[in-house]
N, C-alpha and C. Protein backbone atom coordinates (compact mmCIF):
# COMPACT_ATOMS: atom_id res chain seq x y z
N MET A 1 -26.71 -3.85 -30.83
CA MET A 1 -25.80 -2.87 -30.35
C MET A 1 -24.85 -4.71 -29.02
N SER A 2 -23.75 -4.44 -29.21
CA SER A 2 -22.76 -5.79 -28.18
C SER A 2 -23.15 -5.56 -26.46
N LYS A 3 -23.02 -6.84 -26.45
CA LYS A 3 -22.94 -6.82 -25.30
C LYS A 3 -22.04 -5.65 -24.17
N THR A 4 -20.58 -5.57 -24.86
CA THR A 4 -20.00 -4.82 -23.90
C THR A 4 -20.68 -3.44 -24.03
N GLN A 5 -21.15 -2.91 -25.16
CA GLN A 5 -21.65 -1.82 -25.29
C GLN A 5 -22.65 -1.61 -24.49
N GLU A 6 -23.51 -2.14 -24.34
CA GLU A 6 -24.54 -2.03 -23.17
C GLU A 6 -23.90 -2.45 -21.58
N ASN A 7 -23.20 -2.97 -21.58
CA ASN A 7 -22.43 -3.31 -20.03
C ASN A 7 -21.55 -1.56 -20.16
N LEU A 8 -21.61 -0.73 -20.85
CA LEU A 8 -20.36 0.55 -20.99
C LEU A 8 -21.67 1.34 -20.67
N LEU A 9 -23.01 1.19 -21.11
CA LEU A 9 -24.04 1.91 -20.58
C LEU A 9 -24.66 2.42 -19.50
N ALA A 10 -25.28 0.42 -19.08
CA ALA A 10 -25.30 0.70 -17.65
C ALA A 10 -23.99 1.14 -16.54
N ALA A 11 -23.05 0.61 -16.78
CA ALA A 11 -21.97 1.24 -15.73
C ALA A 11 -21.77 2.84 -15.94
N PHE A 12 -21.85 3.24 -17.06
CA PHE A 12 -22.45 5.02 -17.01
C PHE A 12 -23.71 5.07 -16.26
N ALA A 13 -24.75 4.97 -16.40
CA ALA A 13 -25.55 5.15 -15.62
C ALA A 13 -25.31 4.96 -14.44
N GLY A 14 -25.07 3.69 -13.74
CA GLY A 14 -24.92 3.60 -12.25
C GLY A 14 -23.73 4.55 -12.03
N GLU A 15 -22.68 4.65 -12.79
CA GLU A 15 -21.56 5.55 -11.66
C GLU A 15 -22.03 6.94 -11.36
N SER A 16 -23.19 7.40 -12.65
CA SER A 16 -23.72 8.68 -12.53
C SER A 16 -24.19 9.15 -11.68
N GLN A 17 -25.52 8.51 -11.57
CA GLN A 17 -26.61 8.08 -10.26
C GLN A 17 -25.50 7.93 -9.39
N ALA A 18 -24.41 7.13 -9.41
CA ALA A 18 -23.65 7.21 -7.59
C ALA A 18 -23.50 8.58 -7.31
N ASN A 19 -22.66 9.04 -8.54
CA ASN A 19 -22.14 10.82 -7.84
C ASN A 19 -23.21 11.62 -7.66
N ARG A 20 -24.17 11.57 -8.69
CA ARG A 20 -25.16 12.59 -7.60
C ARG A 20 -26.02 11.80 -6.73
N LYS A 21 -25.99 10.74 -5.98
CA LYS A 21 -26.15 10.21 -4.84
C LYS A 21 -25.62 10.58 -4.11
N TYR A 22 -23.95 10.01 -3.93
CA TYR A 22 -23.14 11.09 -2.91
C TYR A 22 -23.15 12.38 -2.35
N LEU A 23 -22.84 13.19 -3.91
CA LEU A 23 -23.34 14.72 -3.33
C LEU A 23 -24.40 15.36 -2.72
N ALA A 24 -25.86 14.08 -3.16
CA ALA A 24 -26.96 14.70 -2.17
C ALA A 24 -26.21 14.02 -0.52
N PHE A 25 -25.83 12.85 -0.40
CA PHE A 25 -25.74 12.82 0.92
C PHE A 25 -24.80 13.37 1.38
N ALA A 26 -23.68 13.85 0.99
CA ALA A 26 -22.56 15.11 1.15
C ALA A 26 -23.01 16.10 1.69
N LYS A 27 -24.23 16.76 0.89
CA LYS A 27 -24.93 17.83 1.64
C LYS A 27 -25.64 17.82 2.93
N GLN A 28 -26.58 16.32 2.67
CA GLN A 28 -26.92 16.11 4.21
C GLN A 28 -26.15 16.05 4.98
N ALA A 29 -24.77 15.58 5.21
CA ALA A 29 -23.84 15.40 6.23
C ALA A 29 -23.27 16.79 6.50
N ASP A 30 -23.47 17.39 5.58
CA ASP A 30 -22.82 18.79 5.80
C ASP A 30 -23.88 19.75 6.81
N LYS A 31 -25.77 19.13 6.58
CA LYS A 31 -26.47 20.23 7.39
C LYS A 31 -26.16 19.43 8.63
N GLU A 32 -25.76 18.17 9.12
CA GLU A 32 -25.76 17.83 10.12
C GLU A 32 -24.48 18.05 10.81
N GLY A 33 -23.28 18.83 10.53
CA GLY A 33 -22.49 19.12 11.13
C GLY A 33 -21.32 17.96 10.92
N LEU A 34 -21.37 17.47 10.03
CA LEU A 34 -20.53 16.19 10.00
C LEU A 34 -19.75 16.42 8.39
N PRO A 35 -18.42 17.42 8.59
CA PRO A 35 -18.00 17.87 7.38
C PRO A 35 -17.07 16.64 6.87
N GLN A 36 -15.87 15.71 7.85
CA GLN A 36 -15.57 14.60 7.42
C GLN A 36 -15.83 13.96 6.32
N VAL A 37 -16.96 13.64 6.50
CA VAL A 37 -18.16 12.47 5.98
C VAL A 37 -18.76 12.98 4.69
N ALA A 38 -18.78 14.62 4.96
CA ALA A 38 -19.50 15.13 3.37
C ALA A 38 -18.32 15.47 2.30
N LYS A 39 -16.58 15.09 3.09
CA LYS A 39 -15.83 15.32 2.22
C LYS A 39 -15.42 13.60 1.42
N LEU A 40 -15.57 12.89 2.32
CA LEU A 40 -15.66 11.65 2.09
C LEU A 40 -16.86 10.94 0.61
N PHE A 41 -18.11 11.74 0.96
CA PHE A 41 -18.84 11.49 -0.48
C PHE A 41 -18.44 12.42 -0.90
N ARG A 42 -17.71 13.28 -0.91
CA ARG A 42 -17.36 14.30 -2.23
C ARG A 42 -16.49 13.60 -3.00
N ALA A 43 -15.29 13.03 -2.28
CA ALA A 43 -14.49 12.52 -3.10
C ALA A 43 -15.01 11.23 -3.70
N ALA A 44 -15.72 10.34 -3.01
CA ALA A 44 -16.43 9.07 -4.05
C ALA A 44 -16.85 9.82 -4.75
N ALA A 45 -18.14 10.61 -4.62
CA ALA A 45 -18.48 11.09 -5.88
C ALA A 45 -17.38 11.85 -6.97
N ALA A 46 -16.68 12.15 -6.66
CA ALA A 46 -15.31 12.66 -8.12
C ALA A 46 -14.74 11.53 -8.80
N ALA A 47 -14.53 10.22 -7.90
CA ALA A 47 -14.22 9.16 -8.64
C ALA A 47 -15.75 8.44 -9.18
N GLU A 48 -16.75 8.40 -8.54
CA GLU A 48 -17.81 8.04 -9.79
C GLU A 48 -17.75 8.68 -10.95
N THR A 49 -17.44 10.01 -11.12
CA THR A 49 -17.30 10.19 -11.97
C THR A 49 -15.95 10.63 -13.32
N VAL A 50 -15.18 10.30 -12.54
CA VAL A 50 -13.79 10.04 -13.87
C VAL A 50 -14.61 7.85 -13.79
N HIS A 51 -15.00 7.70 -13.24
CA HIS A 51 -15.39 6.12 -13.86
C HIS A 51 -16.79 6.72 -15.21
N ALA A 52 -17.84 7.25 -14.81
CA ALA A 52 -18.21 7.70 -15.46
C ALA A 52 -18.07 7.87 -17.28
N HIS A 53 -17.17 9.19 -17.33
CA HIS A 53 -16.33 9.78 -18.22
C HIS A 53 -15.40 8.39 -18.96
N ALA A 54 -14.98 7.76 -17.82
CA ALA A 54 -14.14 6.34 -19.29
C ALA A 54 -15.29 5.95 -19.52
N HIS A 55 -16.38 5.18 -19.30
CA HIS A 55 -17.49 4.52 -19.90
C HIS A 55 -18.06 5.23 -20.92
N LEU A 56 -18.19 6.41 -21.10
CA LEU A 56 -18.87 7.31 -22.04
C LEU A 56 -17.84 7.36 -23.24
N ARG A 57 -16.73 7.46 -22.68
CA ARG A 57 -15.45 7.58 -23.90
C ARG A 57 -15.49 6.21 -24.54
N SER A 58 -15.40 5.44 -23.69
CA SER A 58 -15.21 3.47 -23.94
C SER A 58 -15.83 3.29 -25.19
N ALA A 59 -17.54 4.20 -24.71
CA ALA A 59 -18.92 3.73 -25.72
C ALA A 59 -19.01 4.21 -27.07
N GLY A 60 -17.90 5.44 -27.03
CA GLY A 60 -17.96 6.47 -28.39
C GLY A 60 -18.76 7.36 -28.58
N LEU A 61 -19.25 7.43 -27.00
CA LEU A 61 -20.24 8.53 -27.14
C LEU A 61 -20.14 10.18 -26.83
N ILE A 62 -19.02 10.53 -26.87
CA ILE A 62 -18.31 11.86 -26.64
C ILE A 62 -17.60 12.03 -27.90
N GLY A 63 -18.34 13.11 -28.48
CA GLY A 63 -18.17 13.35 -29.91
C GLY A 63 -17.21 14.96 -29.67
N ASP A 64 -17.27 15.36 -30.98
CA ASP A 64 -16.49 16.80 -31.14
C ASP A 64 -17.94 18.08 -30.41
N THR A 65 -17.32 18.82 -30.27
CA THR A 65 -18.50 20.00 -29.78
C THR A 65 -20.12 19.93 -30.18
N LYS A 66 -19.94 19.92 -31.48
CA LYS A 66 -21.02 20.29 -32.25
C LYS A 66 -21.88 18.90 -32.24
N ALA A 67 -21.30 17.66 -32.45
CA ALA A 67 -22.32 16.44 -31.65
C ALA A 67 -22.66 16.44 -30.60
N ASN A 68 -21.63 16.83 -29.66
CA ASN A 68 -22.17 16.53 -28.20
C ASN A 68 -23.44 17.75 -28.08
N LEU A 69 -23.29 19.28 -28.55
CA LEU A 69 -24.64 19.57 -28.53
C LEU A 69 -25.97 19.16 -29.05
N GLU A 70 -25.51 18.75 -30.44
CA GLU A 70 -26.43 18.01 -30.96
C GLU A 70 -27.09 16.72 -29.64
N ALA A 71 -26.76 15.90 -29.42
CA ALA A 71 -26.79 15.49 -28.69
C ALA A 71 -27.64 15.03 -27.39
N ALA A 72 -27.24 16.48 -26.58
CA ALA A 72 -27.78 17.33 -25.83
C ALA A 72 -28.82 18.01 -26.04
N ILE A 73 -28.58 18.52 -27.03
CA ILE A 73 -30.58 18.75 -27.54
C ILE A 73 -31.41 18.02 -27.72
N ALA A 74 -31.13 16.60 -28.32
CA ALA A 74 -31.82 15.33 -28.67
C ALA A 74 -32.29 15.21 -27.25
N GLY A 75 -31.41 14.64 -26.20
CA GLY A 75 -32.01 14.31 -25.05
C GLY A 75 -32.72 15.35 -24.00
N GLU A 76 -32.37 16.24 -24.21
CA GLU A 76 -33.32 17.42 -23.33
C GLU A 76 -34.90 17.52 -24.31
N THR A 77 -34.75 17.83 -25.48
CA THR A 77 -35.97 17.57 -26.45
C THR A 77 -36.44 16.60 -25.77
N HIS A 78 -36.36 15.23 -25.47
CA HIS A 78 -36.89 13.87 -25.15
C HIS A 78 -37.49 14.04 -23.72
N GLU A 79 -36.91 14.65 -23.16
CA GLU A 79 -37.24 14.59 -21.64
C GLU A 79 -38.64 15.96 -21.27
N PHE A 80 -38.42 17.25 -22.08
CA PHE A 80 -39.35 18.05 -21.83
C PHE A 80 -40.75 17.32 -23.43
N THR A 81 -40.30 16.80 -24.32
CA THR A 81 -41.84 16.63 -24.95
C THR A 81 -42.42 15.29 -24.89
N GLN A 82 -41.50 14.18 -24.19
CA GLN A 82 -41.89 12.72 -24.01
C GLN A 82 -41.73 12.35 -22.14
N MET A 83 -40.86 12.32 -21.98
CA MET A 83 -40.17 11.71 -21.07
C MET A 83 -41.00 12.22 -19.85
N TYR A 84 -40.96 14.07 -19.36
CA TYR A 84 -41.57 14.13 -18.62
C TYR A 84 -43.00 14.07 -18.40
N PRO A 85 -43.74 14.61 -19.41
CA PRO A 85 -45.19 14.54 -19.62
C PRO A 85 -45.71 13.65 -19.12
N GLU A 86 -45.36 12.18 -19.54
CA GLU A 86 -45.49 11.18 -19.38
C GLU A 86 -46.09 10.90 -17.78
N MET A 87 -44.54 11.42 -17.27
CA MET A 87 -44.42 11.52 -15.49
C MET A 87 -45.34 12.05 -14.73
N ILE A 88 -45.44 13.42 -15.55
CA ILE A 88 -46.46 13.97 -14.90
C ILE A 88 -48.28 13.60 -14.80
N LYS A 89 -48.30 12.92 -15.91
CA LYS A 89 -49.34 12.42 -16.12
C LYS A 89 -49.75 11.17 -14.93
N GLU A 90 -48.69 10.17 -15.35
CA GLU A 90 -48.63 9.50 -13.76
C GLU A 90 -48.48 9.58 -12.92
N ALA A 91 -47.86 10.38 -12.22
CA ALA A 91 -47.89 11.29 -10.88
C ALA A 91 -49.55 12.03 -10.57
N GLN A 92 -49.68 12.52 -11.24
CA GLN A 92 -51.16 13.10 -11.14
C GLN A 92 -52.13 12.07 -10.85
N ALA A 93 -52.43 10.92 -11.80
CA ALA A 93 -53.13 9.62 -11.86
C ALA A 93 -52.99 8.94 -10.19
N GLU A 94 -51.95 9.31 -9.79
CA GLU A 94 -51.48 8.41 -8.67
C GLU A 94 -51.96 9.68 -7.33
N ASN A 95 -52.44 10.62 -7.92
CA ASN A 95 -52.95 11.75 -6.17
C ASN A 95 -51.38 12.54 -5.94
N ASN A 96 -50.61 12.14 -6.74
CA ASN A 96 -49.46 12.58 -5.74
C ASN A 96 -48.78 13.86 -6.65
N ALA A 97 -49.65 15.36 -5.95
CA ALA A 97 -49.38 16.27 -6.38
C ALA A 97 -48.50 17.16 -6.53
N ALA A 98 -47.57 16.63 -5.76
CA ALA A 98 -46.31 17.38 -5.37
C ALA A 98 -44.79 16.55 -6.17
N VAL A 99 -45.05 15.39 -6.33
CA VAL A 99 -44.23 15.39 -7.56
C VAL A 99 -44.55 15.68 -8.89
N ALA A 100 -46.23 15.52 -8.49
CA ALA A 100 -46.17 15.75 -10.24
C ALA A 100 -46.07 17.53 -10.93
N ARG A 101 -45.94 18.25 -9.47
CA ARG A 101 -45.65 19.83 -9.51
C ARG A 101 -44.15 19.57 -10.01
N TYR A 102 -43.11 18.89 -9.47
CA TYR A 102 -41.66 18.93 -9.48
C TYR A 102 -41.38 18.58 -10.96
N PHE A 103 -41.85 17.62 -11.29
CA PHE A 103 -41.87 17.00 -12.61
C PHE A 103 -41.53 18.36 -13.57
N ASP A 104 -43.32 19.21 -12.88
CA ASP A 104 -43.30 19.99 -13.75
C ASP A 104 -42.59 21.09 -14.01
N PHE A 105 -41.72 21.25 -13.26
CA PHE A 105 -40.69 22.21 -13.32
C PHE A 105 -40.09 21.77 -13.60
N ALA A 106 -39.36 20.24 -13.96
CA ALA A 106 -38.40 19.57 -14.47
C ALA A 106 -38.67 19.63 -15.95
N ASN A 107 -39.42 19.49 -16.21
CA ASN A 107 -40.08 19.94 -17.52
C ASN A 107 -39.78 20.68 -18.65
N LYS A 108 -40.26 22.02 -17.56
CA LYS A 108 -40.23 23.46 -18.21
C LYS A 108 -38.55 23.93 -18.37
N VAL A 109 -38.00 23.21 -17.19
CA VAL A 109 -36.16 23.37 -17.19
C VAL A 109 -35.77 22.93 -18.36
N GLU A 110 -35.83 21.92 -18.98
CA GLU A 110 -35.69 20.57 -19.60
C GLU A 110 -35.33 21.63 -21.20
N GLU A 111 -36.57 22.27 -21.12
CA GLU A 111 -36.94 23.32 -22.02
C GLU A 111 -35.99 24.70 -22.74
N VAL A 112 -35.93 24.99 -21.19
CA VAL A 112 -35.08 25.72 -21.65
C VAL A 112 -33.45 25.38 -21.40
N HIS A 113 -33.35 24.70 -21.19
CA HIS A 113 -31.91 23.81 -21.86
C HIS A 113 -31.66 23.50 -23.31
N ALA A 114 -32.49 23.23 -23.75
CA ALA A 114 -32.58 22.33 -24.96
C ALA A 114 -32.11 23.76 -25.95
N ASN A 115 -32.81 24.90 -25.06
CA ASN A 115 -32.88 26.04 -26.25
C ASN A 115 -31.47 26.87 -25.99
N LEU A 116 -30.95 26.72 -24.63
CA LEU A 116 -29.68 27.57 -24.20
C LEU A 116 -28.47 26.59 -25.49
N TYR A 117 -28.76 25.06 -25.67
CA TYR A 117 -27.81 24.58 -26.49
C TYR A 117 -27.93 24.81 -28.06
N LYS A 118 -29.44 24.70 -28.52
CA LYS A 118 -29.49 25.50 -30.21
C LYS A 118 -28.91 26.73 -29.96
N LYS A 119 -28.81 27.29 -29.10
CA LYS A 119 -28.73 29.04 -29.46
C LYS A 119 -26.84 28.71 -29.19
N ALA A 120 -26.21 27.75 -28.23
CA ALA A 120 -24.52 27.82 -28.75
C ALA A 120 -24.17 27.26 -29.96
N LEU A 121 -25.03 25.99 -30.20
CA LEU A 121 -24.83 25.50 -31.57
C LEU A 121 -25.13 26.30 -33.17
N GLU A 122 -25.36 27.82 -32.96
CA GLU A 122 -25.63 27.85 -33.49
C GLU A 122 -24.48 28.65 -33.93
N ASN A 123 -23.81 29.05 -33.19
CA ASN A 123 -22.04 29.53 -33.03
C ASN A 123 -21.21 29.23 -32.22
N PRO A 124 -20.71 28.63 -31.84
CA PRO A 124 -19.81 27.87 -30.42
C PRO A 124 -19.31 28.69 -30.40
N ALA A 125 -18.23 29.67 -31.32
CA ALA A 125 -16.61 30.09 -31.16
C ALA A 125 -17.27 31.18 -30.77
N ALA A 126 -18.23 31.70 -30.83
CA ALA A 126 -19.02 32.80 -30.88
C ALA A 126 -19.99 33.16 -29.66
N MET A 127 -20.06 32.43 -28.60
CA MET A 127 -20.68 32.69 -27.78
C MET A 127 -20.22 33.72 -26.78
N PRO A 128 -20.90 34.35 -26.48
CA PRO A 128 -20.93 35.76 -25.39
C PRO A 128 -20.38 35.10 -24.40
N ASN A 129 -19.49 36.36 -23.42
CA ASN A 129 -18.95 35.50 -22.55
C ASN A 129 -19.72 36.03 -21.24
N VAL A 130 -20.82 34.69 -20.97
CA VAL A 130 -21.86 35.30 -19.96
C VAL A 130 -21.83 34.05 -18.65
N ASP A 131 -22.43 34.83 -17.38
CA ASP A 131 -22.18 34.01 -16.59
C ASP A 131 -23.64 32.94 -16.57
N TYR A 132 -23.85 31.85 -16.01
CA TYR A 132 -24.94 30.92 -15.86
C TYR A 132 -25.23 31.03 -14.78
N TYR A 133 -26.71 31.10 -14.10
CA TYR A 133 -27.19 30.96 -12.39
C TYR A 133 -28.20 29.88 -12.82
N VAL A 134 -28.08 28.96 -11.93
CA VAL A 134 -29.05 28.09 -11.80
C VAL A 134 -29.49 28.04 -10.29
N CYS A 135 -31.17 27.94 -10.60
CA CYS A 135 -31.98 28.19 -9.02
C CYS A 135 -31.96 26.27 -8.85
N SER A 136 -31.68 26.69 -7.55
CA SER A 136 -31.28 25.79 -6.66
C SER A 136 -32.47 24.33 -6.17
N VAL A 137 -33.48 25.21 -6.57
CA VAL A 137 -35.08 24.51 -6.19
C VAL A 137 -35.44 24.04 -7.26
N CYS A 138 -35.30 24.58 -8.56
CA CYS A 138 -36.28 23.69 -9.85
C CYS A 138 -34.44 23.27 -10.79
N GLY A 139 -33.57 23.87 -10.95
CA GLY A 139 -32.91 24.04 -11.78
C GLY A 139 -33.04 24.58 -12.79
N TYR A 140 -33.61 25.74 -12.86
CA TYR A 140 -33.94 26.59 -14.02
C TYR A 140 -32.07 27.29 -14.14
N THR A 141 -32.35 27.14 -15.79
CA THR A 141 -30.83 28.15 -15.73
C THR A 141 -30.78 28.94 -16.61
N HIS A 142 -30.10 30.50 -16.01
CA HIS A 142 -30.67 31.88 -16.98
C HIS A 142 -28.67 32.40 -17.45
N GLU A 143 -28.99 33.32 -18.18
CA GLU A 143 -27.72 33.25 -18.18
C GLU A 143 -28.05 34.98 -17.97
N GLY A 144 -26.72 35.03 -16.64
CA GLY A 144 -26.88 36.45 -16.22
C GLY A 144 -27.67 36.30 -14.92
N PRO A 145 -27.57 36.99 -13.94
CA PRO A 145 -28.44 36.96 -12.60
C PRO A 145 -29.88 37.32 -12.62
N VAL A 146 -30.64 36.78 -11.96
CA VAL A 146 -32.17 37.20 -11.87
C VAL A 146 -32.71 37.24 -10.47
N ASP A 147 -34.28 37.96 -10.59
CA ASP A 147 -34.23 38.88 -9.07
C ASP A 147 -35.29 37.25 -8.81
N LYS A 148 -35.97 36.64 -9.74
CA LYS A 148 -36.94 35.28 -9.57
C LYS A 148 -37.22 34.59 -10.46
N CYS A 149 -36.87 33.19 -9.43
CA CYS A 149 -37.56 32.17 -10.80
C CYS A 149 -38.38 32.48 -11.56
N PRO A 150 -38.27 32.18 -13.25
CA PRO A 150 -39.74 31.58 -13.45
C PRO A 150 -40.79 31.09 -13.53
N ILE A 151 -39.88 29.77 -13.12
CA ILE A 151 -40.49 28.18 -13.39
C ILE A 151 -40.87 27.92 -11.71
N CYS A 152 -40.32 28.16 -10.54
CA CYS A 152 -40.89 27.78 -9.33
C CYS A 152 -40.88 29.27 -8.30
N GLY A 153 -40.58 30.27 -8.50
CA GLY A 153 -40.81 31.44 -8.05
C GLY A 153 -40.10 31.78 -6.84
N ALA A 154 -38.85 31.02 -6.71
CA ALA A 154 -37.55 30.96 -5.72
C ALA A 154 -36.98 32.34 -5.99
N ALA A 155 -36.68 33.20 -4.92
CA ALA A 155 -35.94 34.20 -5.04
C ALA A 155 -34.47 34.11 -5.54
N ALA A 156 -34.32 35.23 -5.49
CA ALA A 156 -32.25 35.52 -6.34
C ALA A 156 -31.48 34.36 -5.33
N ALA A 157 -31.99 35.00 -4.08
CA ALA A 157 -30.61 34.16 -3.11
C ALA A 157 -30.97 32.64 -3.36
N ALA A 158 -31.35 31.96 -4.03
CA ALA A 158 -31.96 30.60 -4.25
C ALA A 158 -30.63 30.07 -5.54
N PHE A 159 -30.37 30.96 -6.46
CA PHE A 159 -29.81 31.13 -7.79
C PHE A 159 -27.84 30.72 -7.35
N GLU A 160 -27.33 29.92 -7.84
CA GLU A 160 -26.39 30.00 -7.49
C GLU A 160 -25.34 29.79 -8.89
N LYS A 161 -24.44 30.75 -8.98
CA LYS A 161 -23.58 31.68 -10.09
C LYS A 161 -22.15 30.04 -10.71
N ILE A 162 -22.84 29.64 -11.92
CA ILE A 162 -21.83 28.42 -11.77
C ILE A 162 -20.70 28.96 -12.72
N ALA A 163 -19.73 28.59 -12.01
CA ALA A 163 -18.29 29.05 -12.79
C ALA A 163 -17.83 27.88 -14.14
């Protein structure tokens, strides 16, 4: 891998992290009644997304939908089979039960994501028109509304319909 390719991937990671961090900061500013600060964080987050997408595109890592679904399946599968299980063990070894529990939630959700992508890969053009709902506590993703999160137990009110 060339140094430029390494730099594109590092820049993509940094911009992606900044996006998510700024969105979290915006949510906190909203909670504190500071809507203009929240708006600034959301604007910067949107700009970081522009940068991240440009880096990913320049790295040649956006393919056609079939290739993108395959890449998503590989990434999610890595997370639930290798990454999170190791992180859960390490958190448990450090007696950090709260983090181990949340890593376990994420681990289970990543498998759900992989399965949703596999389903989409079967026939992307014939996917049924369904709404997806995401649990705001653990990230569980479901086709259609749910009464209770099967991963973390959150009530239906914790779910957000994704447009």
